[in-house]
Amino acid sequence: MAADIPLSLGRGMTVPELARRYRVGQHTVRTWIRSGLIAAVNTASPLARPRWVVTAESLAAFEARRRAETPAQHVPRRRRQTQLIDYYPD
């Protein structure tokens, strides 16, 4: 994916860092976390707003799931055979 922002081994990545890494909005990253696509840890105190941190392992799992695969061979579509009814046979 994006290799311009390094991921240190001891520290995870925050929502703004992930948004810059994937060139999406912060709201999109929070939606990925909320839906379970990326596993994140809330490092905020219990009564504060959530501060999500994504670990290197969960980020690697997310990127492995989102990796593009080679497309399958294109199979040409078959045309439907028309059923001709001869109402006036010779």
N, C-alpha and C. Protein backbone atom coordinates (compact mmCIF):
# COMPACT_ATOMS: atom_id res chain seq x y z
N MET A 1 0.84 -1.18 0.00
CA MET A 1 0.00 0.00 0.00
C MET A 1 0.88 1.24 0.00
N ALA A 2 0.70 2.10 0.98
CA ALA A 2 1.48 3.32 1.02
C ALA A 2 2.68 3.12 1.94
N ALA A 3 3.84 3.28 1.40
CA ALA A 3 5.06 3.05 2.18
C ALA A 3 5.72 4.35 2.60
N ASP A 4 5.08 5.49 2.36
CA ASP A 4 5.73 6.75 2.69
C ASP A 4 5.69 7.06 4.18
N ILE A 5 4.77 6.46 4.93
CA ILE A 5 4.71 6.67 6.37
C ILE A 5 5.15 5.37 7.05
N PRO A 6 6.30 5.36 7.70
CA PRO A 6 6.78 4.12 8.32
C PRO A 6 5.97 3.77 9.56
N LEU A 7 5.90 2.49 9.82
CA LEU A 7 5.19 1.99 11.00
C LEU A 7 6.23 1.45 11.96
N SER A 8 6.41 2.13 13.08
CA SER A 8 7.41 1.67 14.05
C SER A 8 6.91 0.42 14.74
N LEU A 9 7.82 -0.39 15.22
CA LEU A 9 7.46 -1.68 15.79
C LEU A 9 6.77 -1.55 17.15
N GLY A 10 7.19 -0.61 17.97
CA GLY A 10 6.66 -0.51 19.32
C GLY A 10 5.36 0.28 19.41
N ARG A 11 5.08 1.13 18.47
CA ARG A 11 3.94 2.02 18.56
C ARG A 11 3.03 1.76 17.38
N GLY A 12 1.75 1.89 17.61
CA GLY A 12 0.79 1.72 16.53
C GLY A 12 0.57 3.01 15.78
N MET A 13 -0.45 3.01 14.94
CA MET A 13 -0.77 4.19 14.16
C MET A 13 -2.12 4.73 14.60
N THR A 14 -2.23 6.04 14.65
CA THR A 14 -3.47 6.68 15.04
C THR A 14 -4.36 6.88 13.81
N VAL A 15 -5.57 7.35 14.05
CA VAL A 15 -6.53 7.56 12.96
C VAL A 15 -6.01 8.58 11.94
N PRO A 16 -5.49 9.74 12.36
CA PRO A 16 -4.96 10.68 11.34
C PRO A 16 -3.80 10.11 10.53
N GLU A 17 -2.94 9.32 11.15
CA GLU A 17 -1.83 8.71 10.42
C GLU A 17 -2.33 7.71 9.39
N LEU A 18 -3.31 6.91 9.76
CA LEU A 18 -3.88 5.95 8.81
C LEU A 18 -4.60 6.65 7.67
N ALA A 19 -5.27 7.75 7.99
CA ALA A 19 -5.97 8.51 6.94
C ALA A 19 -4.98 9.06 5.92
N ARG A 20 -3.84 9.55 6.39
CA ARG A 20 -2.81 10.02 5.47
C ARG A 20 -2.19 8.88 4.69
N ARG A 21 -1.99 7.74 5.35
CA ARG A 21 -1.36 6.58 4.70
C ARG A 21 -2.21 6.07 3.54
N TYR A 22 -3.52 5.99 3.73
CA TYR A 22 -4.40 5.45 2.70
C TYR A 22 -5.09 6.53 1.87
N ARG A 23 -4.81 7.79 2.17
CA ARG A 23 -5.38 8.92 1.44
C ARG A 23 -6.90 8.89 1.46
N VAL A 24 -7.45 8.68 2.64
CA VAL A 24 -8.89 8.74 2.87
C VAL A 24 -9.15 9.68 4.02
N GLY A 25 -10.40 9.94 4.31
CA GLY A 25 -10.74 10.80 5.42
C GLY A 25 -10.66 10.06 6.75
N GLN A 26 -10.55 10.82 7.82
CA GLN A 26 -10.51 10.22 9.15
C GLN A 26 -11.82 9.51 9.47
N HIS A 27 -12.91 10.04 8.96
CA HIS A 27 -14.21 9.40 9.19
C HIS A 27 -14.24 8.00 8.57
N THR A 28 -13.60 7.83 7.41
CA THR A 28 -13.54 6.52 6.76
C THR A 28 -12.76 5.53 7.61
N VAL A 29 -11.66 5.97 8.19
CA VAL A 29 -10.86 5.08 9.04
C VAL A 29 -11.66 4.69 10.28
N ARG A 30 -12.37 5.66 10.88
CA ARG A 30 -13.19 5.34 12.05
C ARG A 30 -14.32 4.37 11.68
N THR A 31 -14.85 4.49 10.47
CA THR A 31 -15.88 3.55 10.02
C THR A 31 -15.30 2.16 9.86
N TRP A 32 -14.08 2.04 9.34
CA TRP A 32 -13.41 0.75 9.23
C TRP A 32 -13.22 0.13 10.60
N ILE A 33 -12.86 0.95 11.59
CA ILE A 33 -12.66 0.44 12.95
C ILE A 33 -13.99 0.00 13.54
N ARG A 34 -15.02 0.83 13.38
CA ARG A 34 -16.33 0.53 13.94
C ARG A 34 -16.92 -0.74 13.33
N SER A 35 -16.69 -0.95 12.02
CA SER A 35 -17.26 -2.12 11.35
C SER A 35 -16.42 -3.38 11.57
N GLY A 36 -15.23 -3.23 12.12
CA GLY A 36 -14.40 -4.39 12.42
C GLY A 36 -13.40 -4.75 11.33
N LEU A 37 -13.27 -3.93 10.31
CA LEU A 37 -12.29 -4.22 9.26
C LEU A 37 -10.86 -4.06 9.77
N ILE A 38 -10.66 -3.12 10.68
CA ILE A 38 -9.35 -2.92 11.31
C ILE A 38 -9.55 -3.05 12.82
N ALA A 39 -8.75 -3.89 13.44
CA ALA A 39 -8.80 -4.02 14.90
C ALA A 39 -7.98 -2.89 15.51
N ALA A 40 -8.58 -2.18 16.47
CA ALA A 40 -7.91 -1.04 17.09
C ALA A 40 -8.10 -1.10 18.60
N VAL A 41 -7.22 -0.41 19.30
CA VAL A 41 -7.25 -0.34 20.76
C VAL A 41 -7.57 1.09 21.16
N ASN A 42 -8.51 1.25 22.08
CA ASN A 42 -8.86 2.57 22.58
C ASN A 42 -7.91 2.91 23.73
N THR A 43 -7.09 3.93 23.53
CA THR A 43 -6.10 4.29 24.55
C THR A 43 -6.54 5.48 25.40
N ALA A 44 -7.76 5.94 25.23
CA ALA A 44 -8.24 7.08 26.01
C ALA A 44 -8.74 6.61 27.38
N SER A 45 -8.90 7.56 28.29
CA SER A 45 -9.46 7.22 29.60
C SER A 45 -10.94 6.85 29.41
N PRO A 46 -11.55 6.14 30.38
CA PRO A 46 -12.90 5.62 30.20
C PRO A 46 -13.97 6.66 29.87
N LEU A 47 -13.85 7.88 30.37
CA LEU A 47 -14.89 8.88 30.13
C LEU A 47 -14.56 9.85 29.01
N ALA A 48 -13.41 9.69 28.39
CA ALA A 48 -12.99 10.62 27.33
C ALA A 48 -13.41 10.09 25.96
N ARG A 49 -13.24 10.94 24.96
CA ARG A 49 -13.49 10.52 23.59
C ARG A 49 -12.52 9.42 23.22
N PRO A 50 -12.93 8.47 22.38
CA PRO A 50 -12.01 7.38 22.00
C PRO A 50 -10.80 7.89 21.23
N ARG A 51 -9.65 7.32 21.54
CA ARG A 51 -8.43 7.60 20.79
C ARG A 51 -7.92 6.26 20.33
N TRP A 52 -8.19 5.95 19.06
CA TRP A 52 -7.90 4.63 18.52
C TRP A 52 -6.45 4.54 18.07
N VAL A 53 -5.82 3.40 18.39
CA VAL A 53 -4.47 3.09 17.93
C VAL A 53 -4.52 1.71 17.30
N VAL A 54 -4.01 1.61 16.08
CA VAL A 54 -4.01 0.35 15.33
C VAL A 54 -2.61 -0.24 15.41
N THR A 55 -2.51 -1.50 15.83
CA THR A 55 -1.21 -2.15 15.97
C THR A 55 -0.71 -2.61 14.60
N ALA A 56 0.56 -2.94 14.54
CA ALA A 56 1.17 -3.37 13.28
C ALA A 56 0.57 -4.68 12.80
N GLU A 57 0.24 -5.58 13.72
CA GLU A 57 -0.31 -6.88 13.34
C GLU A 57 -1.70 -6.72 12.72
N SER A 58 -2.55 -5.90 13.32
CA SER A 58 -3.89 -5.72 12.76
C SER A 58 -3.84 -4.95 11.45
N LEU A 59 -2.87 -4.05 11.30
CA LEU A 59 -2.72 -3.33 10.04
C LEU A 59 -2.25 -4.28 8.93
N ALA A 60 -1.35 -5.20 9.26
CA ALA A 60 -0.89 -6.18 8.27
C ALA A 60 -2.03 -7.11 7.86
N ALA A 61 -2.88 -7.49 8.83
CA ALA A 61 -4.02 -8.34 8.50
C ALA A 61 -5.02 -7.60 7.61
N PHE A 62 -5.23 -6.31 7.89
CA PHE A 62 -6.14 -5.50 7.07
C PHE A 62 -5.62 -5.40 5.63
N GLU A 63 -4.32 -5.13 5.49
CA GLU A 63 -3.74 -5.01 4.15
C GLU A 63 -3.75 -6.34 3.42
N ALA A 64 -3.59 -7.45 4.13
CA ALA A 64 -3.63 -8.76 3.47
C ALA A 64 -5.04 -9.06 2.95
N ARG A 65 -6.07 -8.66 3.70
CA ARG A 65 -7.44 -8.88 3.24
C ARG A 65 -7.80 -7.98 2.07
N ARG A 66 -7.22 -6.78 2.02
CA ARG A 66 -7.57 -5.81 0.98
C ARG A 66 -6.67 -5.89 -0.25
N ARG A 67 -5.74 -6.82 -0.26
CA ARG A 67 -4.81 -6.93 -1.38
C ARG A 67 -5.57 -7.33 -2.64
N ALA A 68 -5.23 -6.70 -3.73
CA ALA A 68 -5.89 -6.99 -5.00
C ALA A 68 -5.39 -8.32 -5.56
N GLU A 69 -6.29 -9.05 -6.15
CA GLU A 69 -5.93 -10.31 -6.79
C GLU A 69 -6.00 -10.13 -8.30
N THR A 70 -5.36 -11.03 -8.99
CA THR A 70 -5.43 -10.95 -10.44
C THR A 70 -6.84 -11.31 -10.89
N PRO A 71 -7.38 -10.59 -11.84
CA PRO A 71 -8.74 -10.88 -12.27
C PRO A 71 -8.81 -12.21 -13.00
N ALA A 72 -9.96 -12.84 -12.93
CA ALA A 72 -10.16 -14.11 -13.61
C ALA A 72 -10.21 -13.87 -15.11
N GLN A 73 -9.97 -14.92 -15.86
CA GLN A 73 -10.05 -14.83 -17.31
C GLN A 73 -11.45 -14.42 -17.72
N HIS A 74 -11.51 -13.54 -18.70
CA HIS A 74 -12.81 -13.09 -19.18
C HIS A 74 -13.44 -14.19 -20.03
N VAL A 75 -14.62 -14.61 -19.64
CA VAL A 75 -15.35 -15.61 -20.39
C VAL A 75 -16.43 -14.87 -21.18
N PRO A 76 -16.42 -15.01 -22.51
CA PRO A 76 -17.42 -14.29 -23.29
C PRO A 76 -18.82 -14.81 -22.98
N ARG A 77 -19.76 -13.90 -22.94
CA ARG A 77 -21.14 -14.28 -22.65
C ARG A 77 -21.76 -14.94 -23.86
N ARG A 78 -22.54 -15.94 -23.59
CA ARG A 78 -23.23 -16.62 -24.68
C ARG A 78 -24.52 -15.90 -24.98
N ARG A 79 -24.83 -15.79 -26.25
CA ARG A 79 -26.08 -15.16 -26.64
C ARG A 79 -27.22 -16.13 -26.45
N ARG A 80 -28.33 -15.58 -26.05
CA ARG A 80 -29.51 -16.40 -25.87
C ARG A 80 -30.05 -16.81 -27.24
N GLN A 81 -30.34 -18.07 -27.37
CA GLN A 81 -30.90 -18.56 -28.61
C GLN A 81 -32.37 -18.17 -28.66
N THR A 82 -32.75 -17.56 -29.75
CA THR A 82 -34.15 -17.16 -29.88
C THR A 82 -35.00 -18.35 -30.28
N GLN A 83 -36.15 -18.42 -29.70
CA GLN A 83 -37.09 -19.48 -30.02
C GLN A 83 -38.02 -18.96 -31.11
N LEU A 84 -37.75 -19.35 -32.34
CA LEU A 84 -38.59 -18.91 -33.45
C LEU A 84 -39.75 -19.88 -33.62
N ILE A 85 -40.92 -19.35 -33.63
CA ILE A 85 -42.11 -20.15 -33.84
C ILE A 85 -42.66 -19.80 -35.21
N ASP A 86 -42.80 -20.81 -36.03
CA ASP A 86 -43.31 -20.59 -37.37
C ASP A 86 -44.83 -20.77 -37.33
N TYR A 87 -45.55 -19.68 -37.31
CA TYR A 87 -46.99 -19.73 -37.22
C TYR A 87 -47.64 -20.10 -38.57
N TYR A 88 -46.93 -19.87 -39.65
CA TYR A 88 -47.48 -20.17 -40.97
C TYR A 88 -46.55 -21.13 -41.70
N PRO A 89 -46.59 -22.43 -41.34
CA PRO A 89 -45.70 -23.35 -42.04
C PRO A 89 -46.08 -23.48 -43.52
N ASP A 90 -45.11 -23.77 -44.32
CA ASP A 90 -45.35 -23.90 -45.77
C ASP A 90 -45.97 -25.21 -46.13
